[in-house]
Structures are given as C-alpha cells and as structure tokens.
C-alpha cells in the first residue's frame, strides 16, 4: 500500500510505502494507465521540500497538511 507524501512536478506525485516508509515512488496517473518510478530517499525529500516552499509562498490552505506529512515522513 502507498500513501501520498507530496505533490510532485510535471504531474508526478510522490508516494511512500505504508509499511516501511523508506521506499519512495513518483506516480503518474494518465487516462487508463498508472506509471511508477522508484526514487531515492534524498530525491523524495528534496522534491517534498520544494513543494512545501511553493505551498508557503502561495499561501496554500494545504500547507499545514503537507508540512505535517513532511515531518512524519522525513524528520
């Protein structure tokens, strides 16, 4: 099982495995297809930090949600 950790770039969101939380994937959903790409921990963390910065700059209502997920997953 996977859970969403962060929004990604170019329509590819970052997910982690629920049981280990150390395997990360870029997941892209197209019309009838789902693409998975395994990514390293540091890449997932970097992209998640970029998402947090973007949400903070834009004053997003979801900032606290993404911040909480970031802290639970990477800290």
PDB file of N, CA and C in Angstrom:
ATOM      1  N   UNK A   1       0.838  -1.165   0.000  1.00  0.00           N
ATOM      2  CA  UNK A   1       0.000   0.000   0.000  1.00  0.00           C
ATOM      3  C   UNK A   1       0.895   1.244   0.000  1.00  0.00           C
ATOM      4  N   UNK A   2       0.438   2.260  -0.705  1.00  0.00           N
ATOM      5  CA  UNK A   2       1.163   3.515  -0.806  1.00  0.00           C
ATOM      6  C   UNK A   2       0.319   4.649  -0.247  1.00  0.00           C
ATOM      7  N   UNK A   3       0.997   5.677   0.238  1.00  0.00           N
ATOM      8  CA  UNK A   3       0.290   6.894   0.624  1.00  0.00           C
ATOM      9  C   UNK A   3       1.030   8.089   0.039  1.00  0.00           C
ATOM     10  N   UNK A   4       0.274   9.127  -0.253  1.00  0.00           N
ATOM     11  CA  UNK A   4       0.847  10.319  -0.880  1.00  0.00           C
ATOM     12  C   UNK A   4       1.623  11.121   0.159  1.00  0.00           C
ATOM     13  N   UNK A   5       2.876  11.417  -0.189  1.00  0.00           N
ATOM     14  CA  UNK A   5       3.755  12.191   0.687  1.00  0.00           C
ATOM     15  C   UNK A   5       3.764  13.649   0.271  1.00  0.00           C
ATOM     16  N   UNK A   6       3.716  13.888  -1.041  1.00  0.00           N
ATOM     17  CA  UNK A   6       3.841  15.247  -1.535  1.00  0.00           C
ATOM     18  C   UNK A   6       3.381  15.329  -2.981  1.00  0.00           C
ATOM     19  N   UNK A   7       2.976  16.518  -3.371  1.00  0.00           N
ATOM     20  CA  UNK A   7       2.773  16.778  -4.779  1.00  0.00           C
ATOM     21  C   UNK A   7       4.144  16.811  -5.433  1.00  0.00           C
ATOM     22  N   UNK A   8       4.208  16.383  -6.656  1.00  0.00           N
ATOM     23  CA  UNK A   8       5.481  16.395  -7.358  1.00  0.00           C
ATOM     24  C   UNK A   8       5.475  17.430  -8.460  1.00  0.00           C
ATOM     25  N   UNK A   9       6.367  17.248  -9.397  1.00  0.00           N
ATOM     26  CA  UNK A   9       6.443  18.138 -10.540  1.00  0.00           C
ATOM     27  C   UNK A   9       5.989  17.393 -11.781  1.00  0.00           C
ATOM     28  N   UNK A  10       5.483  18.135 -12.731  1.00  0.00           N
ATOM     29  CA  UNK A  10       5.044  17.582 -14.014  1.00  0.00           C
ATOM     30  C   UNK A  10       3.987  16.485 -13.851  1.00  0.00           C
ATOM     31  N   UNK A  11       3.105  16.646 -12.875  1.00  0.00           N
ATOM     32  CA  UNK A  11       2.011  15.702 -12.696  1.00  0.00           C
ATOM     33  C   UNK A  11       2.410  14.383 -12.070  1.00  0.00           C
ATOM     34  N   UNK A  12       3.630  14.294 -11.538  1.00  0.00           N
ATOM     35  CA  UNK A  12       4.097  13.078 -10.880  1.00  0.00           C
ATOM     36  C   UNK A  12       4.172  13.352  -9.383  1.00  0.00           C
ATOM     37  N   UNK A  13       3.318  12.692  -8.623  1.00  0.00           N
ATOM     38  CA  UNK A  13       3.275  12.893  -7.179  1.00  0.00           C
ATOM     39  C   UNK A  13       4.182  11.877  -6.488  1.00  0.00           C
ATOM     40  N   UNK A  14       4.592  12.193  -5.270  1.00  0.00           N
ATOM     41  CA  UNK A  14       5.496  11.337  -4.511  1.00  0.00           C
ATOM     42  C   UNK A  14       4.691  10.520  -3.508  1.00  0.00           C
ATOM     43  N   UNK A  15       4.934   9.219  -3.538  1.00  0.00           N
ATOM     44  CA  UNK A  15       4.280   8.284  -2.631  1.00  0.00           C
ATOM     45  C   UNK A  15       5.328   7.472  -1.901  1.00  0.00           C
ATOM     46  N   UNK A  16       4.970   6.975  -0.723  1.00  0.00           N
ATOM     47  CA  UNK A  16       5.844   6.097   0.052  1.00  0.00           C
ATOM     48  C   UNK A  16       5.077   4.828   0.393  1.00  0.00           C
ATOM     49  N   UNK A  17       5.828   3.780   0.678  1.00  0.00           N
ATOM     50  CA  UNK A  17       5.176   2.551   1.110  1.00  0.00           C
ATOM     51  C   UNK A  17       4.678   2.743   2.534  1.00  0.00           C
ATOM     52  N   UNK A  18       3.523   2.225   2.820  1.00  0.00           N
ATOM     53  CA  UNK A  18       2.906   2.397   4.124  1.00  0.00           C
ATOM     54  C   UNK A  18       3.648   1.612   5.196  1.00  0.00           C
ATOM     55  N   UNK A  19       4.113   0.440   4.865  1.00  0.00           N
ATOM     56  CA  UNK A  19       4.716  -0.424   5.882  1.00  0.00           C
ATOM     57  C   UNK A  19       6.162  -0.085   6.202  1.00  0.00           C
ATOM     58  N   UNK A  20       6.939   0.427   5.258  1.00  0.00           N
ATOM     59  CA  UNK A  20       8.350   0.683   5.526  1.00  0.00           C
ATOM     60  C   UNK A  20       8.673   2.173   5.571  1.00  0.00           C
ATOM     61  N   UNK A  21       7.978   2.968   4.811  1.00  0.00           N
ATOM     62  CA  UNK A  21       8.187   4.408   4.703  1.00  0.00           C
ATOM     63  C   UNK A  21       9.623   4.753   4.314  1.00  0.00           C
ATOM     64  N   UNK A  22      10.301   3.852   3.641  1.00  0.00           N
ATOM     65  CA  UNK A  22      11.658   4.109   3.167  1.00  0.00           C
ATOM     66  C   UNK A  22      11.783   3.873   1.667  1.00  0.00           C
ATOM     67  N   UNK A  23      10.716   3.432   1.039  1.00  0.00           N
ATOM     68  CA  UNK A  23      10.703   3.265  -0.408  1.00  0.00           C
ATOM     69  C   UNK A  23       9.784   4.333  -0.978  1.00  0.00           C
ATOM     70  N   UNK A  24      10.314   5.085  -1.931  1.00  0.00           N
ATOM     71  CA  UNK A  24       9.558   6.202  -2.483  1.00  0.00           C
ATOM     72  C   UNK A  24       9.377   6.030  -3.983  1.00  0.00           C
ATOM     73  N   UNK A  25       8.241   6.515  -4.464  1.00  0.00           N
ATOM     74  CA  UNK A  25       7.884   6.374  -5.862  1.00  0.00           C
ATOM     75  C   UNK A  25       7.352   7.691  -6.408  1.00  0.00           C
ATOM     76  N   UNK A  26       7.678   7.979  -7.661  1.00  0.00           N
ATOM     77  CA  UNK A  26       6.974   9.007  -8.407  1.00  0.00           C
ATOM     78  C   UNK A  26       5.845   8.282  -9.110  1.00  0.00           C
ATOM     79  N   UNK A  27       4.638   8.762  -8.939  1.00  0.00           N
ATOM     80  CA  UNK A  27       3.477   8.108  -9.532  1.00  0.00           C
ATOM     81  C   UNK A  27       2.792   9.099 -10.468  1.00  0.00           C
ATOM     82  N   UNK A  28       2.606   8.662 -11.686  1.00  0.00           N
ATOM     83  CA  UNK A  28       1.940   9.489 -12.693  1.00  0.00           C
ATOM     84  C   UNK A  28       0.699   8.743 -13.161  1.00  0.00           C
ATOM     85  N   UNK A  29      -0.439   9.403 -13.070  1.00  0.00           N
ATOM     86  CA  UNK A  29      -1.701   8.809 -13.495  1.00  0.00           C
ATOM     87  C   UNK A  29      -2.131   9.460 -14.795  1.00  0.00           C
ATOM     88  N   UNK A  30      -2.280   8.631 -15.808  1.00  0.00           N
ATOM     89  CA  UNK A  30      -2.802   9.104 -17.085  1.00  0.00           C
ATOM     90  C   UNK A  30      -4.152   8.442 -17.291  1.00  0.00           C
ATOM     91  N   UNK A  31      -4.782   8.682 -18.396  1.00  0.00           N
ATOM     92  CA  UNK A  31      -6.166   8.258 -18.604  1.00  0.00           C
ATOM     93  C   UNK A  31      -6.457   6.854 -18.066  1.00  0.00           C
ATOM     94  N   UNK A  32      -5.827   5.852 -18.568  1.00  0.00           N
ATOM     95  CA  UNK A  32      -6.094   4.485 -18.123  1.00  0.00           C
ATOM     96  C   UNK A  32      -4.825   3.765 -17.688  1.00  0.00           C
ATOM     97  N   UNK A  33      -3.793   4.542 -17.386  1.00  0.00           N
ATOM     98  CA  UNK A  33      -2.519   3.961 -17.008  1.00  0.00           C
ATOM     99  C   UNK A  33      -1.953   4.642 -15.771  1.00  0.00           C
ATOM    100  N   UNK A  34      -1.226   3.872 -14.996  1.00  0.00           N
ATOM    101  CA  UNK A  34      -0.522   4.409 -13.841  1.00  0.00           C
ATOM    102  C   UNK A  34       0.939   3.998 -13.983  1.00  0.00           C
ATOM    103  N   UNK A  35       1.831   4.981 -13.868  1.00  0.00           N
ATOM    104  CA  UNK A  35       3.263   4.731 -14.014  1.00  0.00           C
ATOM    105  C   UNK A  35       3.941   4.937 -12.669  1.00  0.00           C
ATOM    106  N   UNK A  36       4.801   3.985 -12.298  1.00  0.00           N
ATOM    107  CA  UNK A  36       5.554   4.039 -11.051  1.00  0.00           C
ATOM    108  C   UNK A  36       7.041   4.110 -11.364  1.00  0.00           C
ATOM    109  N   UNK A  37       7.736   4.994 -10.659  1.00  0.00           N
ATOM    110  CA  UNK A  37       9.179   5.096 -10.805  1.00  0.00           C
ATOM    111  C   UNK A  37       9.785   5.183  -9.400  1.00  0.00           C
ATOM    112  N   UNK A  38      10.641   4.242  -9.063  1.00  0.00           N
ATOM    113  CA  UNK A  38      11.295   4.252  -7.759  1.00  0.00           C
ATOM    114  C   UNK A  38      12.301   5.401  -7.730  1.00  0.00           C
ATOM    115  N   UNK A  39      12.293   6.161  -6.626  1.00  0.00           N
ATOM    116  CA  UNK A  39      13.254   7.264  -6.479  1.00  0.00           C
ATOM    117  C   UNK A  39      13.946   7.136  -5.123  1.00  0.00           C
ATOM    118  N   UNK A  40      15.166   7.638  -5.020  1.00  0.00           N
ATOM    119  CA  UNK A  40      15.902   7.600  -3.748  1.00  0.00           C
ATOM    120  C   UNK A  40      15.264   8.503  -2.685  1.00  0.00           C
ATOM    121  N   UNK A  41      15.556   8.179  -1.446  1.00  0.00           N
ATOM    122  CA  UNK A  41      15.058   8.928  -0.297  1.00  0.00           C
ATOM    123  C   UNK A  41      15.368  10.423  -0.423  1.00  0.00           C
ATOM    124  N   UNK A  42      16.613  10.754  -0.735  1.00  0.00           N
ATOM    125  CA  UNK A  42      17.007  12.172  -0.795  1.00  0.00           C
ATOM    126  C   UNK A  42      16.291  12.925  -1.910  1.00  0.00           C
ATOM    127  N   UNK A  43      16.019  12.275  -3.034  1.00  0.00           N
ATOM    128  CA  UNK A  43      15.249  12.914  -4.106  1.00  0.00           C
ATOM    129  C   UNK A  43      13.819  13.182  -3.658  1.00  0.00           C
ATOM    130  N   UNK A  44      13.227  12.209  -2.967  1.00  0.00           N
ATOM    131  CA  UNK A  44      11.859  12.377  -2.465  1.00  0.00           C
ATOM    132  C   UNK A  44      11.806  13.516  -1.454  1.00  0.00           C
ATOM    133  N   UNK A  45      12.789  13.555  -0.580  1.00  0.00           N
ATOM    134  CA  UNK A  45      12.821  14.618   0.425  1.00  0.00           C
ATOM    135  C   UNK A  45      13.008  15.984  -0.228  1.00  0.00           C
ATOM    136  N   UNK A  46      13.909  16.071  -1.187  1.00  0.00           N
ATOM    137  CA  UNK A  46      14.160  17.339  -1.882  1.00  0.00           C
ATOM    138  C   UNK A  46      12.896  17.832  -2.584  1.00  0.00           C
ATOM    139  N   UNK A  47      12.226  16.970  -3.312  1.00  0.00           N
ATOM    140  CA  UNK A  47      11.010  17.386  -4.016  1.00  0.00           C
ATOM    141  C   UNK A  47       9.907  17.754  -3.031  1.00  0.00           C
ATOM    142  N   UNK A  48       9.845  17.070  -1.902  1.00  0.00           N
ATOM    143  CA  UNK A  48       8.849  17.411  -0.885  1.00  0.00           C
ATOM    144  C   UNK A  48       9.128  18.780  -0.277  1.00  0.00           C
ATOM    145  N   UNK A  49      10.412  19.091  -0.059  1.00  0.00           N
ATOM    146  CA  UNK A  49      10.779  20.415   0.454  1.00  0.00           C
ATOM    147  C   UNK A  49      10.414  21.507  -0.543  1.00  0.00           C
ATOM    148  N   UNK A  50      10.631  21.245  -1.828  1.00  0.00           N
ATOM    149  CA  UNK A  50      10.251  22.219  -2.858  1.00  0.00           C
ATOM    150  C   UNK A  50       8.742  22.446  -2.859  1.00  0.00           C
ATOM    151  N   UNK A  51       7.979  21.378  -2.671  1.00  0.00           N
ATOM    152  CA  UNK A  51       6.521  21.504  -2.601  1.00  0.00           C
ATOM    153  C   UNK A  51       6.111  22.343  -1.394  1.00  0.00           C
ATOM    154  N   UNK A  52       6.772  22.140  -0.253  1.00  0.00           N
ATOM    155  CA  UNK A  52       6.475  22.938   0.944  1.00  0.00           C
ATOM    156  C   UNK A  52       6.763  24.416   0.707  1.00  0.00           C
ATOM    157  N   UNK A  53       7.900  24.706   0.100  1.00  0.00           N
ATOM    158  CA  UNK A  53       8.256  26.103  -0.188  1.00  0.00           C
ATOM    159  C   UNK A  53       7.231  26.748  -1.119  1.00  0.00           C
ATOM    160  N   UNK A  54       6.816  26.004  -2.144  1.00  0.00           N
ATOM    161  CA  UNK A  54       5.826  26.508  -3.096  1.00  0.00           C
ATOM    162  C   UNK A  54       4.493  26.771  -2.388  1.00  0.00           C
ATOM    163  N   UNK A  55       4.065  25.844  -1.534  1.00  0.00           N
ATOM    164  CA  UNK A  55       2.799  25.998  -0.810  1.00  0.00           C
ATOM    165  C   UNK A  55       2.862  27.190   0.145  1.00  0.00           C
ATOM    166  N   UNK A  56       4.001  27.386   0.785  1.00  0.00           N
ATOM    167  CA  UNK A  56       4.169  28.508   1.710  1.00  0.00           C
ATOM    168  C   UNK A  56       4.101  29.838   0.961  1.00  0.00           C
ATOM    169  N   UNK A  57       4.814  29.917  -0.175  1.00  0.00           N
ATOM    170  CA  UNK A  57       4.820  31.162  -0.972  1.00  0.00           C
ATOM    171  C   UNK A  57       3.422  31.509  -1.474  1.00  0.00           C
ATOM    172  N   UNK A  58       2.674  30.494  -1.878  1.00  0.00           N
ATOM    173  CA  UNK A  58       1.348  30.717  -2.446  1.00  0.00           C
ATOM    174  C   UNK A  58       0.274  30.889  -1.381  1.00  0.00           C
ATOM    175  N   UNK A  59       0.639  30.697  -0.131  1.00  0.00           N
ATOM    176  CA  UNK A  59      -0.345  30.811   0.942  1.00  0.00           C
ATOM    177  C   UNK A  59      -1.404  29.731   0.858  1.00  0.00           C
ATOM    178  N   UNK A  60      -1.007  28.551   0.438  1.00  0.00           N
ATOM    179  CA  UNK A  60      -1.933  27.443   0.234  1.00  0.00           C
ATOM    180  C   UNK A  60      -2.597  27.008   1.537  1.00  0.00           C
ATOM    181  N   UNK A  61      -3.877  26.697   1.442  1.00  0.00           N
ATOM    182  CA  UNK A  61      -4.617  26.181   2.595  1.00  0.00           C
ATOM    183  C   UNK A  61      -4.102  24.805   3.000  1.00  0.00           C
ATOM    184  N   UNK A  62      -3.465  24.097   2.062  1.00  0.00           N
ATOM    185  CA  UNK A  62      -2.961  22.755   2.325  1.00  0.00           C
ATOM    186  C   UNK A  62      -1.562  22.742   2.918  1.00  0.00           C
ATOM    187  N   UNK A  63      -0.981  23.919   3.182  1.00  0.00           N
ATOM    188  CA  UNK A  63       0.391  23.964   3.682  1.00  0.00           C
ATOM    189  C   UNK A  63       0.552  23.138   4.951  1.00  0.00           C
ATOM    190  N   UNK A  64      -0.350  23.275   5.910  1.00  0.00           N
ATOM    191  CA  UNK A  64      -0.201  22.548   7.188  1.00  0.00           C
ATOM    192  C   UNK A  64      -0.281  21.036   6.964  1.00  0.00           C
ATOM    193  N   UNK A  65      -1.115  20.611   6.022  1.00  0.00           N
ATOM    194  CA  UNK A  65      -1.210  19.179   5.702  1.00  0.00           C
ATOM    195  C   UNK A  65       0.124  18.664   5.162  1.00  0.00           C
ATOM    196  N   UNK A  66       0.708  19.384   4.184  1.00  0.00           N
ATOM    197  CA  UNK A  66       1.972  18.957   3.589  1.00  0.00           C
ATOM    198  C   UNK A  66       3.111  19.049   4.595  1.00  0.00           C
ATOM    199  N   UNK A  67       3.093  20.068   5.446  1.00  0.00           N
ATOM    200  CA  UNK A  67       4.122  20.222   6.466  1.00  0.00           C
ATOM    201  C   UNK A  67       4.074  19.059   7.455  1.00  0.00           C
ATOM    202  N   UNK A  68       2.884  18.690   7.867  1.00  0.00           N
ATOM    203  CA  UNK A  68       2.714  17.573   8.790  1.00  0.00           C
ATOM    204  C   UNK A  68       3.205  16.267   8.161  1.00  0.00           C
ATOM    205  N   UNK A  69       2.823  16.018   6.914  1.00  0.00           N
ATOM    206  CA  UNK A  69       3.287  14.811   6.227  1.00  0.00           C
ATOM    207  C   UNK A  69       4.801  14.797   6.078  1.00  0.00           C
ATOM    208  N   UNK A  70       5.388  15.946   5.771  1.00  0.00           N
ATOM    209  CA  UNK A  70       6.839  16.039   5.635  1.00  0.00           C
ATOM    210  C   UNK A  70       7.516  15.672   6.948  1.00  0.00           C
ATOM    211  N   UNK A  71       7.029  16.245   8.026  1.00  0.00           N
ATOM    212  CA  UNK A  71       7.639  15.970   9.341  1.00  0.00           C
ATOM    213  C   UNK A  71       7.503  14.496   9.725  1.00  0.00           C
ATOM    214  N   UNK A  72       6.348  13.902   9.481  1.00  0.00           N
ATOM    215  CA  UNK A  72       6.134  12.497   9.815  1.00  0.00           C
ATOM    216  C   UNK A  72       7.010  11.573   8.968  1.00  0.00           C
ATOM    217  N   UNK A  73       7.255  11.954   7.736  1.00  0.00           N
ATOM    218  CA  UNK A  73       7.958  11.075   6.817  1.00  0.00           C
ATOM    219  C   UNK A  73       9.472  11.254   6.859  1.00  0.00           C
ATOM    220  N   UNK A  74       9.938  12.487   6.936  1.00  0.00           N
ATOM    221  CA  UNK A  74      11.367  12.743   6.765  1.00  0.00           C
ATOM    222  C   UNK A  74      12.113  13.185   8.013  1.00  0.00           C
ATOM    223  N   UNK A  75      11.417  13.559   9.079  1.00  0.00           N
ATOM    224  CA  UNK A  75      12.121  14.014  10.299  1.00  0.00           C
ATOM    225  C   UNK A  75      11.983  13.011  11.419  1.00  0.00           C
TER     226      UNK A  75
END
